[in-house]
C-alpha atoms as a PDB file:
ATOM      1  CA  MET A   1      -3.217 -10.979  12.441  1.00  0.00           C
ATOM      2  CA  ALA A   2      -2.046 -14.075  10.659  1.00  0.00           C
ATOM      3  CA  LEU A   3       1.356 -13.813   9.039  1.00  0.00           C
ATOM      4  CA  GLY A   4       2.230 -15.689   5.899  1.00  0.00           C
ATOM      5  CA  PRO A   5       4.866 -18.406   5.648  1.00  0.00           C
ATOM      6  CA  ASN A   6       8.438 -17.159   6.104  1.00  0.00           C
ATOM      7  CA  GLU A   7       7.101 -13.814   7.300  1.00  0.00           C
ATOM      8  CA  HIS A   8       8.322 -12.135  10.484  1.00  0.00           C
ATOM      9  CA  VAL A   9       7.596  -8.813  12.178  1.00  0.00           C
ATOM     10  CA  ILE A  10      10.171  -6.054  11.693  1.00  0.00           C
ATOM     11  CA  ARG A  11       8.363  -3.136  13.281  1.00  0.00           C
ATOM     12  CA  GLU A  12       5.038  -2.362  14.911  1.00  0.00           C
ATOM     13  CA  ALA A  13       3.610   1.160  14.474  1.00  0.00           C
ATOM     14  CA  VAL A  14       2.688   2.986  17.677  1.00  0.00           C
ATOM     15  CA  PHE A  15      -0.037   5.612  17.515  1.00  0.00           C
ATOM     16  CA  ASP A  16       0.183   8.789  19.604  1.00  0.00           C
ATOM     17  CA  LYS A  17      -3.217   8.440  21.276  1.00  0.00           C
ATOM     18  CA  PRO A  18      -3.108  11.572  23.501  1.00  0.00           C
ATOM     19  CA  ALA A  19      -2.149  13.795  20.555  1.00  0.00           C
ATOM     20  CA  LEU A  20      -4.799  12.188  18.335  1.00  0.00           C
ATOM     21  CA  LEU A  21      -7.495  12.742  20.959  1.00  0.00           C
ATOM     22  CA  LYS A  22      -6.483  16.400  21.410  1.00  0.00           C
ATOM     23  CA  TYR A  23      -6.340  16.918  17.645  1.00  0.00           C
ATOM     24  CA  HIS A  24      -9.813  15.461  17.100  1.00  0.00           C
ATOM     25  CA  TRP A  25     -11.241  17.242  20.147  1.00  0.00           C
ATOM     26  CA  LEU A  26      -9.944  20.562  18.804  1.00  0.00           C
ATOM     27  CA  THR A  27     -11.405  19.751  15.386  1.00  0.00           C
ATOM     28  CA  VAL A  28     -14.814  18.978  16.918  1.00  0.00           C
ATOM     29  CA  PHE A  29     -14.608  22.151  19.032  1.00  0.00           C
ATOM     30  CA  VAL A  30     -13.837  24.311  15.987  1.00  0.00           C
ATOM     31  CA  MET A  31     -16.662  22.697  14.014  1.00  0.00           C
ATOM     32  CA  SER A  32     -19.140  23.151  16.879  1.00  0.00           C
ATOM     33  CA  ALA A  33     -18.150  26.828  17.237  1.00  0.00           C
ATOM     34  CA  PHE A  34     -19.704  27.404  13.827  1.00  0.00           C
ATOM     35  CA  CYS A  35     -22.837  25.478  14.725  1.00  0.00           C
ATOM     36  CA  ILE A  36     -25.903  27.344  16.005  1.00  0.00           C
ATOM     37  CA  ALA A  37     -27.195  24.374  17.987  1.00  0.00           C
ATOM     38  CA  LEU A  38     -24.285  24.284  20.451  1.00  0.00           C
ATOM     39  CA  PRO A  39     -26.260  22.408  23.171  1.00  0.00           C
ATOM     40  CA  VAL A  40     -26.729  19.548  20.714  1.00  0.00           C
ATOM     41  CA  THR A  41     -23.142  19.438  19.462  1.00  0.00           C
ATOM     42  CA  ILE A  42     -21.521  19.152  22.909  1.00  0.00           C
ATOM     43  CA  PRO A  43     -23.107  15.756  23.757  1.00  0.00           C
ATOM     44  CA  ILE A  44     -22.408  14.577  20.210  1.00  0.00           C
ATOM     45  CA  ALA A  45     -18.778  15.669  20.594  1.00  0.00           C
ATOM     46  CA  ILE A  46     -18.440  13.765  23.891  1.00  0.00           C
ATOM     47  CA  VAL A  47     -19.836  10.590  22.305  1.00  0.00           C
ATOM     48  CA  TYR A  48     -17.561  11.126  19.303  1.00  0.00           C
ATOM     49  CA  VAL A  49     -14.467  11.392  21.497  1.00  0.00           C
ATOM     50  CA  PHE A  50     -15.474   8.222  23.381  1.00  0.00           C
ATOM     51  CA  ILE A  51     -15.898   6.349  20.103  1.00  0.00           C
ATOM     52  CA  LEU A  52     -12.667   7.876  18.825  1.00  0.00           C
ATOM     53  CA  ASP A  53     -10.852   6.442  21.851  1.00  0.00           C
ATOM     54  CA  LYS A  54     -12.087   2.957  20.896  1.00  0.00           C
ATOM     55  CA  MET A  55     -11.227   3.568  17.235  1.00  0.00           C
ATOM     56  CA  ILE A  56      -7.620   4.495  18.022  1.00  0.00           C
ATOM     57  CA  ASP A  57      -7.302   1.407  20.224  1.00  0.00           C
ATOM     58  CA  SER A  58      -8.397  -0.728  17.246  1.00  0.00           C
ATOM     59  CA  TRP A  59      -5.684   0.603  14.917  1.00  0.00           C
ATOM     60  CA  SER A  60      -2.593  -1.452  14.200  1.00  0.00           C
ATOM     61  CA  CYS A  61       0.056  -1.325  11.515  1.00  0.00           C
ATOM     62  CA  THR A  62       2.724  -4.004  11.309  1.00  0.00           C
ATOM     63  CA  LEU A  63       5.716  -4.022   8.995  1.00  0.00           C
ATOM     64  CA  THR A  64       6.954  -7.505   8.155  1.00  0.00           C
ATOM     65  CA  ASN A  65       9.723  -8.645   5.869  1.00  0.00           C
ATOM     66  CA  ARG A  66       7.167  -9.050   3.027  1.00  0.00           C
ATOM     67  CA  ALA A  67       4.159  -6.780   3.642  1.00  0.00           C
ATOM     68  CA  LEU A  68       2.504  -4.016   5.583  1.00  0.00           C
ATOM     69  CA  HIS A  69      -0.504  -5.250   7.601  1.00  0.00           C
ATOM     70  CA  VAL A  70      -3.081  -2.618   8.631  1.00  0.00           C
ATOM     71  CA  LYS A  71      -6.080  -3.291  10.875  1.00  0.00           C
ATOM     72  CA  ARG A  72      -8.705  -0.845  12.102  1.00  0.00           C
ATOM     73  CA  GLY A  73     -12.340  -0.440  12.928  1.00  0.00           C
ATOM     74  CA  VAL A  74     -14.731  -0.611  15.861  1.00  0.00           C
ATOM     75  CA  PHE A  75     -18.065  -1.297  14.206  1.00  0.00           C
ATOM     76  CA  VAL A  76     -16.797  -2.233  10.766  1.00  0.00           C
ATOM     77  CA  LYS A  77     -13.429  -3.927  10.981  1.00  0.00           C
ATOM     78  CA  SER A  78     -11.053  -3.817   8.056  1.00  0.00           C
ATOM     79  CA  GLU A  79      -7.756  -5.540   7.496  1.00  0.00           C
ATOM     80  CA  SER A  80      -5.402  -4.734   4.627  1.00  0.00           C
ATOM     81  CA  THR A  81      -2.248  -6.494   3.582  1.00  0.00           C
ATOM     82  CA  ILE A  82      -0.096  -4.483   1.217  1.00  0.00           C
ATOM     83  CA  PRO A  83       2.828  -6.364  -0.345  1.00  0.00           C
ATOM     84  CA  LEU A  84       5.982  -4.270  -0.058  1.00  0.00           C
ATOM     85  CA  ASP A  85       6.883  -4.773  -3.707  1.00  0.00           C
ATOM     86  CA  LYS A  86       3.604  -3.011  -4.677  1.00  0.00           C
ATOM     87  CA  ILE A  87       4.320   0.106  -2.581  1.00  0.00           C
ATOM     88  CA  THR A  88       5.581   2.970  -4.742  1.00  0.00           C
ATOM     89  CA  ASP A  89       5.750   5.661  -2.047  1.00  0.00           C
ATOM     90  CA  LEU A  90       4.632   6.688   1.421  1.00  0.00           C
ATOM     91  CA  LEU A  91       3.331  10.250   1.331  1.00  0.00           C
ATOM     92  CA  THR A  92       3.462  12.230   4.588  1.00  0.00           C
ATOM     93  CA  LEU A  93       1.144  15.165   5.164  1.00  0.00           C
ATOM     94  CA  GLN A  94       0.998  17.632   8.062  1.00  0.00           C
ATOM     95  CA  GLY A  95      -1.631  20.354   8.167  1.00  0.00           C
ATOM     96  CA  PRO A  96      -1.615  23.370  10.525  1.00  0.00           C
ATOM     97  CA  LEU A  97      -3.696  21.670  13.248  1.00  0.00           C
ATOM     98  CA  MET A  98      -1.636  18.506  12.914  1.00  0.00           C
ATOM     99  CA  ARG A  99       1.543  20.546  13.302  1.00  0.00           C
ATOM    100  CA  ARG A 100       0.274  21.838  16.650  1.00  0.00           C
ATOM    101  CA  TYR A 101       0.252  18.252  18.006  1.00  0.00           C
ATOM    102  CA  ASP A 102       3.211  16.990  15.921  1.00  0.00           C
ATOM    103  CA  LEU A 103       0.991  14.571  13.982  1.00  0.00           C
ATOM    104  CA  PHE A 104       1.534  13.298  10.465  1.00  0.00           C
ATOM    105  CA  LYS A 105      -0.780  11.501   8.080  1.00  0.00           C
ATOM    106  CA  VAL A 106       0.910   8.739   6.097  1.00  0.00           C
ATOM    107  CA  SER A 107      -0.735   7.704   2.825  1.00  0.00           C
ATOM    108  CA  ILE A 108       0.428   4.542   1.111  1.00  0.00           C
ATOM    109  CA  GLU A 109       0.677   4.743  -2.656  1.00  0.00           C
ATOM    110  CA  THR A 110       0.781   1.488  -4.584  1.00  0.00           C
ATOM    111  CA  ALA A 111       1.389   0.350  -8.115  1.00  0.00           C
ATOM    112  CA  GLY A 112      -1.923  -0.176  -9.842  1.00  0.00           C
ATOM    113  CA  GLN A 113      -3.936   2.429  -7.955  1.00  0.00           C
ATOM    114  CA  SER A 114      -7.035   3.167  -9.980  1.00  0.00           C
ATOM    115  CA  THR A 115      -7.251   6.937  -9.468  1.00  0.00           C
ATOM    116  CA  GLN A 116      -4.821   9.761  -8.891  1.00  0.00           C
ATOM    117  CA  GLY A 117      -4.967  11.099  -5.340  1.00  0.00           C
ATOM    118  CA  ALA A 118      -6.839   8.088  -3.935  1.00  0.00           C
ATOM    119  CA  HIS A 119      -4.799   6.182  -1.398  1.00  0.00           C
ATOM    120  CA  LEU A 120      -5.221   2.562  -0.502  1.00  0.00           C
ATOM    121  CA  VAL A 121      -4.521   3.210   3.186  1.00  0.00           C
ATOM    122  CA  SER A 122      -4.002   6.390   5.202  1.00  0.00           C
ATOM    123  CA  LEU A 123      -2.733   6.374   8.779  1.00  0.00           C
ATOM    124  CA  LEU A 124      -2.799   9.305  11.180  1.00  0.00           C
ATOM    125  CA  GLY A 125      -0.662   9.764  14.268  1.00  0.00           C
ATOM    126  CA  ILE A 126       2.138   7.198  14.037  1.00  0.00           C
ATOM    127  CA  THR A 127       4.860   8.148  16.496  1.00  0.00           C
ATOM    128  CA  ASP A 128       8.265   8.628  14.846  1.00  0.00           C
ATOM    129  CA  THR A 129       6.503   8.864  11.488  1.00  0.00           C
ATOM    130  CA  GLN A 130       9.627   9.593   9.458  1.00  0.00           C
ATOM    131  CA  ASP A 131      11.518   6.639  10.996  1.00  0.00           C
ATOM    132  CA  PHE A 132       8.582   4.310  10.308  1.00  0.00           C
ATOM    133  CA  ARG A 133       8.318   5.603   6.739  1.00  0.00           C
ATOM    134  CA  LEU A 134      12.038   5.027   6.151  1.00  0.00           C
ATOM    135  CA  ALA A 135      11.841   1.514   7.649  1.00  0.00           C
ATOM    136  CA  VAL A 136       9.019   0.610   5.240  1.00  0.00           C
ATOM    137  CA  LEU A 137      10.823   2.064   2.213  1.00  0.00           C
ATOM    138  CA  GLU A 138      14.127   0.368   3.144  1.00  0.00           C
ATOM    139  CA  GLN A 139      12.411  -3.015   3.531  1.00  0.00           C
ATOM    140  CA  ARG A 140      10.614  -2.445   0.215  1.00  0.00           C
ATOM    141  CA  ASP A 141      13.957  -1.712  -1.464  1.00  0.00           C
ATOM    142  CA  LEU A 142      15.448  -4.898   0.026  1.00  0.00           C
ATOM    143  CA  ILE A 143      12.553  -6.954  -1.318  1.00  0.00           C
ATOM    144  CA  THR A 144      12.552  -5.416  -4.790  1.00  0.00           C
ATOM    145  CA  SER A 145      16.330  -5.577  -5.208  1.00  0.00           C
ATOM    146  CA  SER A 146      16.394  -9.285  -4.288  1.00  0.00           C
ATOM    147  CA  GLU A 147      13.609 -10.044  -6.799  1.00  0.00           C
ATOM    148  CA  ARG A 148      15.268  -8.371  -9.783  1.00  0.00           C
ATOM    149  CA  PRO A 149      16.513 -10.785 -12.411  1.00  0.00           C
ATOM    150  CA  ALA A 150      20.221 -11.249 -12.783  1.00  0.00           C
ATOM    151  CA  VAL A 151      22.016  -9.389 -15.575  1.00  0.00           C
ATOM    152  CA  ALA A 152      22.184 -11.407 -18.790  1.00  0.00           C
ATOM    153  CA  THR A 153      25.461 -13.205 -19.315  1.00  0.00           C
ATOM    154  CA  PRO A 154      26.898 -14.941 -22.370  1.00  0.00           C
ATOM    155  CA  LEU A 155      25.570 -18.439 -22.934  1.00  0.00           C
ATOM    156  CA  ALA A 156      27.123 -20.960 -20.605  1.00  0.00           C
ATOM    157  CA  PRO A 157      28.055 -24.381 -22.043  1.00  0.00           C
ATOM    158  CA  GLU A 158      25.017 -26.109 -20.462  1.00  0.00           C
ATOM    159  CA  VAL A 159      22.684 -23.454 -21.904  1.00  0.00           C
ATOM    160  CA  SER A 160      24.187 -23.608 -25.396  1.00  0.00           C
ATOM    161  CA  SER A 161      23.069 -27.267 -25.686  1.00  0.00           C
ATOM    162  CA  ASN A 162      19.454 -25.999 -25.626  1.00  0.00           C
ATOM    163  CA  VAL A 163      20.043 -23.643 -28.552  1.00  0.00           C
ATOM    164  CA  GLY A 164      18.925 -26.298 -31.066  1.00  0.00           C
ATOM    165  CA  THR A 165      15.673 -26.751 -29.135  1.00  0.00           C
ATOM    166  CA  THR A 166      15.118 -22.996 -29.045  1.00  0.00           C
ATOM    167  CA  GLU A 167      15.778 -22.670 -32.769  1.00  0.00           C
ATOM    168  CA  SER A 168      13.277 -25.422 -33.578  1.00  0.00           C
ATOM    169  CA  LEU A 169      10.682 -23.783 -31.331  1.00  0.00           C
ATOM    170  CA  LEU A 170      11.207 -20.446 -33.067  1.00  0.00           C
ATOM    171  CA  ALA A 171      10.882 -22.158 -36.457  1.00  0.00           C
ATOM    172  CA  GLU A 172       7.528 -23.650 -35.371  1.00  0.00           C
ATOM    173  CA  ILE A 173       6.303 -20.246 -34.254  1.00  0.00           C
ATOM    174  CA  ARG A 174       7.401 -18.701 -37.582  1.00  0.00           C
ATOM    175  CA  ASP A 175       5.630 -21.434 -39.565  1.00  0.00           C
ATOM    176  CA  GLY A 176       2.443 -20.972 -37.504  1.00  0.00           C
ATOM    177  CA  ILE A 177       2.451 -17.237 -38.158  1.00  0.00           C
ATOM    178  CA  MET A 178       2.956 -17.843 -41.886  1.00  0.00           C
ATOM    179  CA  ARG A 179      -0.003 -20.297 -41.955  1.00  0.00           C
ATOM    180  CA  THR A 180      -2.175 -17.759 -40.103  1.00  0.00           C
ATOM    181  CA  GLU A 181      -1.241 -14.993 -42.541  1.00  0.00           C
ATOM    182  CA  GLU A 182      -2.048 -17.259 -45.502  1.00  0.00           C
ATOM    183  CA  HIS A 183      -5.405 -18.184 -43.955  1.00  0.00           C
ATOM    184  CA  LEU A 184      -6.263 -14.512 -43.369  1.00  0.00           C
ATOM    185  CA  ARG A 185      -5.310 -13.661 -46.965  1.00  0.00           C
ATOM    186  CA  LYS A 186      -7.707 -16.368 -48.259  1.00  0.00           C
ATOM    187  CA  ILE A 187     -10.528 -15.012 -46.067  1.00  0.00           C
ATOM    188  CA  ALA A 188      -9.873 -11.438 -47.296  1.00  0.00           C
ATOM    189  CA  ASP A 189      -9.917 -12.599 -50.950  1.00  0.00           C
ATOM    190  CA  LYS A 190     -13.308 -14.326 -50.483  1.00  0.00           C
ATOM    191  CA  GLY A 191     -14.872 -11.254 -48.693  1.00  0.00           C
END
């Protein structure tokens, strides 16, 4: 993973591989219990768990001072960089089977998401999920608070010298609007 300029790693997510494997194995077992062709599902389940092992090894999530970098994939590799100032929330979810293995799913919600309920990135099985979530949100708050503009203050002496320039610019804008209105009136009278 290539970091941007002035970017440094704050925290690296660690995935609970044994719990993830047990969780997925139990899920496959429950699904195969409802399948009539059990002799076929057992070999498929074994292959699935082998591939799952490789998939979990390919996952990484790195929190830097500016972004969250997520990589995953065995056959199709994907890499996402989510700027911290675009993150609106980190949703944590824990279903009944997840609770059995103390797993959480973290979904990253960003400003500008196109649909409600669709998440840009979802991660399952980060150890110390709540601590990681808080670290991301705290770093996001640091970034967004440092980027906020300063509160407006009365004009300083060096700024007040530009007031004449600003007034002339505003006068030009007003004159342009008046010419446009006049031109539109002429077009409306002809039509």
